[in-house]
Amino acid sequence: MSTKKVKRMGRLGARYGVGIRKRLLKIESEQFAPHNCPECSAPKVRRTAPGIFYCKKCGYEFAGGAYVPETMAGSIVKKMVSQKVFLPNMRSLVETKTGLPKALEGAAEEKGDSEGIKPVSKTSKKKRKKE
């Protein structure tokens, strides 16, 4: 029950407003378009559930976006990994994950505290609640 002018949104009639219908048309046109399988490159990928896609040819099942197999953010990260763009910044990422931030390291040295800021253990939180 689609029409030439409004395509798939003809099923909604005059309900919900034109902006929402246009947005839904854009999403659904991407969702139901044929997608290529990352394993066999065949355009046989179908969405089985939100975020789960299945290739009818090779049987490969994989996770993706809610409506499309590959989101824009995912494609950017994939490109960065393949080009190894993140490697120059890897040292600073590792330092921030393992050690203290640079601003806190300077403060810890001034106080003479070699360990820096100590995390509160779970047992001390329980003791505080009981007291």
C-alpha atoms as a PDB file:
ATOM      1  CA  MET A   1       0.000   0.000   0.000  1.00  0.00           C
ATOM      2  CA  SER A   2       2.782   2.407  -0.878  1.00  0.00           C
ATOM      3  CA  THR A   3       2.448   5.379  -3.151  1.00  0.00           C
ATOM      4  CA  LYS A   4       4.863   6.942  -5.587  1.00  0.00           C
ATOM      5  CA  LYS A   5       5.295  10.150  -3.614  1.00  0.00           C
ATOM      6  CA  VAL A   6       5.669   8.937  -0.021  1.00  0.00           C
ATOM      7  CA  LYS A   7       6.930   5.388  -0.753  1.00  0.00           C
ATOM      8  CA  ARG A   8       6.787   3.062   2.289  1.00  0.00           C
ATOM      9  CA  MET A   9       5.264   5.710   4.528  1.00  0.00           C
ATOM     10  CA  GLY A  10       1.961   5.497   2.657  1.00  0.00           C
ATOM     11  CA  ARG A  11       0.986   2.820   5.160  1.00  0.00           C
ATOM     12  CA  LEU A  12       0.923   5.432   7.936  1.00  0.00           C
ATOM     13  CA  GLY A  13      -1.503   7.748   6.157  1.00  0.00           C
ATOM     14  CA  ALA A  14      -1.733  11.288   7.513  1.00  0.00           C
ATOM     15  CA  ARG A  15      -0.694  10.304  11.043  1.00  0.00           C
ATOM     16  CA  TYR A  16       2.440  11.190  13.080  1.00  0.00           C
ATOM     17  CA  GLY A  17       3.576  14.291  11.144  1.00  0.00           C
ATOM     18  CA  VAL A  18       5.691  14.722   8.054  1.00  0.00           C
ATOM     19  CA  GLY A  19       9.053  15.087   9.861  1.00  0.00           C
ATOM     20  CA  ILE A  20       8.766  11.761  11.662  1.00  0.00           C
ATOM     21  CA  ARG A  21       7.595   9.998   8.510  1.00  0.00           C
ATOM     22  CA  LYS A  22      10.575  11.351   6.543  1.00  0.00           C
ATOM     23  CA  ARG A  23      13.004  10.272   9.264  1.00  0.00           C
ATOM     24  CA  LEU A  24      11.448   6.815   9.380  1.00  0.00           C
ATOM     25  CA  LEU A  25      11.616   6.534   5.582  1.00  0.00           C
ATOM     26  CA  LYS A  26      15.336   7.321   5.650  1.00  0.00           C
ATOM     27  CA  ILE A  27      16.037   4.706   8.342  1.00  0.00           C
ATOM     28  CA  GLU A  28      13.866   2.006   6.747  1.00  0.00           C
ATOM     29  CA  SER A  29      15.340   2.529   3.285  1.00  0.00           C
ATOM     30  CA  GLU A  30      18.813   1.875   4.749  1.00  0.00           C
ATOM     31  CA  GLN A  31      17.567  -1.017   6.869  1.00  0.00           C
ATOM     32  CA  PHE A  32      15.928  -2.964   4.045  1.00  0.00           C
ATOM     33  CA  ALA A  33      18.589  -2.225   1.414  1.00  0.00           C
ATOM     34  CA  PRO A  34      20.803  -5.171   0.417  1.00  0.00           C
ATOM     35  CA  HIS A  35      23.998  -5.317   2.490  1.00  0.00           C
ATOM     36  CA  ASN A  36      27.211  -7.167   1.683  1.00  0.00           C
ATOM     37  CA  CYS A  37      28.522  -9.906   3.948  1.00  0.00           C
ATOM     38  CA  PRO A  38      31.923  -9.146   5.556  1.00  0.00           C
ATOM     39  CA  GLU A  39      32.972 -12.795   5.073  1.00  0.00           C
ATOM     40  CA  CYS A  40      31.849 -13.733   1.553  1.00  0.00           C
ATOM     41  CA  SER A  41      30.981 -10.269   0.112  1.00  0.00           C
ATOM     42  CA  ALA A  42      27.611 -11.520  -1.148  1.00  0.00           C
ATOM     43  CA  PRO A  43      24.638  -9.129  -0.872  1.00  0.00           C
ATOM     44  CA  LYS A  44      22.660 -11.652   1.183  1.00  0.00           C
ATOM     45  CA  VAL A  45      22.793 -10.118   4.672  1.00  0.00           C
ATOM     46  CA  ARG A  46      19.499  -9.877   6.557  1.00  0.00           C
ATOM     47  CA  ARG A  47      18.684  -8.436   9.977  1.00  0.00           C
ATOM     48  CA  THR A  48      17.433 -11.089  12.399  1.00  0.00           C
ATOM     49  CA  ALA A  49      17.117  -8.853  15.480  1.00  0.00           C
ATOM     50  CA  PRO A  50      18.200  -5.327  16.409  1.00  0.00           C
ATOM     51  CA  GLY A  51      21.989  -5.369  16.064  1.00  0.00           C
ATOM     52  CA  ILE A  52      22.242  -8.979  14.817  1.00  0.00           C
ATOM     53  CA  PHE A  53      22.752  -9.770  11.146  1.00  0.00           C
ATOM     54  CA  TYR A  54      22.881 -13.077   9.259  1.00  0.00           C
ATOM     55  CA  CYS A  55      24.266 -13.966   5.814  1.00  0.00           C
ATOM     56  CA  LYS A  56      21.962 -16.336   3.946  1.00  0.00           C
ATOM     57  CA  LYS A  57      24.770 -17.547   1.684  1.00  0.00           C
ATOM     58  CA  CYS A  58      27.586 -18.503   4.057  1.00  0.00           C
ATOM     59  CA  GLY A  59      25.690 -18.603   7.371  1.00  0.00           C
ATOM     60  CA  TYR A  60      27.916 -15.968   9.012  1.00  0.00           C
ATOM     61  CA  GLU A  61      26.185 -14.216  11.920  1.00  0.00           C
ATOM     62  CA  PHE A  62      27.599 -10.977  13.280  1.00  0.00           C
ATOM     63  CA  ALA A  63      26.776  -7.898  15.321  1.00  0.00           C
ATOM     64  CA  GLY A  64      26.323  -4.437  13.879  1.00  0.00           C
ATOM     65  CA  GLY A  65      24.232  -1.340  14.397  1.00  0.00           C
ATOM     66  CA  ALA A  66      20.557  -1.455  15.301  1.00  0.00           C
ATOM     67  CA  TYR A  67      19.389  -0.996  11.710  1.00  0.00           C
ATOM     68  CA  VAL A  68      22.478  -1.355   9.508  1.00  0.00           C
ATOM     69  CA  PRO A  69      25.327  -3.891   9.704  1.00  0.00           C
ATOM     70  CA  GLU A  70      28.049  -1.249   9.936  1.00  0.00           C
ATOM     71  CA  THR A  71      27.612   2.109  11.639  1.00  0.00           C
ATOM     72  CA  MET A  72      29.575   5.237  10.802  1.00  0.00           C
ATOM     73  CA  ALA A  73      31.460   5.113  14.110  1.00  0.00           C
ATOM     74  CA  GLY A  74      32.331   1.460  13.541  1.00  0.00           C
ATOM     75  CA  SER A  75      33.651   2.155  10.063  1.00  0.00           C
ATOM     76  CA  ILE A  76      35.834   4.992  11.389  1.00  0.00           C
ATOM     77  CA  VAL A  77      37.345   2.765  14.086  1.00  0.00           C
ATOM     78  CA  LYS A  78      37.883  -0.036  11.560  1.00  0.00           C
ATOM     79  CA  LYS A  79      39.689   2.386   9.248  1.00  0.00           C
ATOM     80  CA  MET A  80      41.861   3.704  12.100  1.00  0.00           C
ATOM     81  CA  VAL A  81      42.868   0.187  13.115  1.00  0.00           C
ATOM     82  CA  SER A  82      43.722  -0.818   9.545  1.00  0.00           C
ATOM     83  CA  GLN A  83      45.808   2.347   9.047  1.00  0.00           C
ATOM     84  CA  LYS A  84      47.311   2.115  12.552  1.00  0.00           C
ATOM     85  CA  VAL A  85      46.591   5.801  13.178  1.00  0.00           C
ATOM     86  CA  PHE A  86      46.154   5.293  16.910  1.00  0.00           C
ATOM     87  CA  LEU A  87      49.690   3.950  17.524  1.00  0.00           C
ATOM     88  CA  PRO A  88      51.397   7.343  18.052  1.00  0.00           C
ATOM     89  CA  ASN A  89      48.844   8.121  20.784  1.00  0.00           C
ATOM     90  CA  MET A  90      49.001   4.628  22.304  1.00  0.00           C
ATOM     91  CA  ARG A  91      51.707   5.564  24.837  1.00  0.00           C
ATOM     92  CA  SER A  92      49.616   8.357  26.334  1.00  0.00           C
ATOM     93  CA  LEU A  93      46.555   6.060  26.438  1.00  0.00           C
ATOM     94  CA  VAL A  94      48.475   3.362  28.290  1.00  0.00           C
ATOM     95  CA  GLU A  95      49.929   5.888  30.750  1.00  0.00           C
ATOM     96  CA  THR A  96      46.531   7.286  31.621  1.00  0.00           C
ATOM     97  CA  LYS A  97      45.009   3.826  32.064  1.00  0.00           C
ATOM     98  CA  THR A  98      47.789   2.373  34.217  1.00  0.00           C
ATOM     99  CA  GLY A  99      49.132   5.375  36.095  1.00  0.00           C
ATOM    100  CA  LEU A 100      47.836   8.597  37.469  1.00  0.00           C
ATOM    101  CA  PRO A 101      46.931  11.538  35.275  1.00  0.00           C
ATOM    102  CA  LYS A 102      49.805  13.977  34.828  1.00  0.00           C
ATOM    103  CA  ALA A 103      48.095  16.679  36.900  1.00  0.00           C
ATOM    104  CA  LEU A 104      47.746  14.344  39.891  1.00  0.00           C
ATOM    105  CA  GLU A 105      51.314  12.998  39.597  1.00  0.00           C
ATOM    106  CA  GLY A 106      52.752  16.456  40.239  1.00  0.00           C
ATOM    107  CA  ALA A 107      50.514  16.956  43.273  1.00  0.00           C
ATOM    108  CA  ALA A 108      51.520  13.582  44.718  1.00  0.00           C
ATOM    109  CA  GLU A 109      55.247  14.423  44.387  1.00  0.00           C
ATOM    110  CA  GLU A 110      54.805  17.760  46.169  1.00  0.00           C
ATOM    111  CA  LYS A 111      53.159  16.097  49.174  1.00  0.00           C
ATOM    112  CA  GLY A 112      55.869  13.439  49.331  1.00  0.00           C
ATOM    113  CA  ASP A 113      53.353  10.653  48.767  1.00  0.00           C
ATOM    114  CA  SER A 114      54.989   8.095  46.499  1.00  0.00           C
ATOM    115  CA  GLU A 115      51.857   5.990  46.008  1.00  0.00           C
ATOM    116  CA  GLY A 116      49.611   8.851  44.981  1.00  0.00           C
ATOM    117  CA  ILE A 117      45.894   8.752  45.702  1.00  0.00           C
ATOM    118  CA  LYS A 118      44.755   5.527  47.323  1.00  0.00           C
ATOM    119  CA  PRO A 119      41.419   4.010  46.279  1.00  0.00           C
ATOM    120  CA  VAL A 120      38.854   3.281  48.980  1.00  0.00           C
ATOM    121  CA  SER A 121      38.374  -0.449  49.452  1.00  0.00           C
ATOM    122  CA  LYS A 122      34.942  -2.066  49.572  1.00  0.00           C
ATOM    123  CA  THR A 123      35.385  -3.220  53.157  1.00  0.00           C
ATOM    124  CA  SER A 124      35.917   0.299  54.433  1.00  0.00           C
ATOM    125  CA  LYS A 125      32.674   1.418  52.719  1.00  0.00           C
ATOM    126  CA  LYS A 126      30.761  -1.356  54.497  1.00  0.00           C
ATOM    127  CA  LYS A 127      32.243  -0.389  57.839  1.00  0.00           C
ATOM    128  CA  ARG A 128      31.213   3.216  57.306  1.00  0.00           C
ATOM    129  CA  LYS A 129      27.613   2.216  56.620  1.00  0.00           C
ATOM    130  CA  LYS A 130      27.443   0.161  59.834  1.00  0.00           C
ATOM    131  CA  GLU A 131      28.890   2.950  61.976  1.00  0.00           C
END
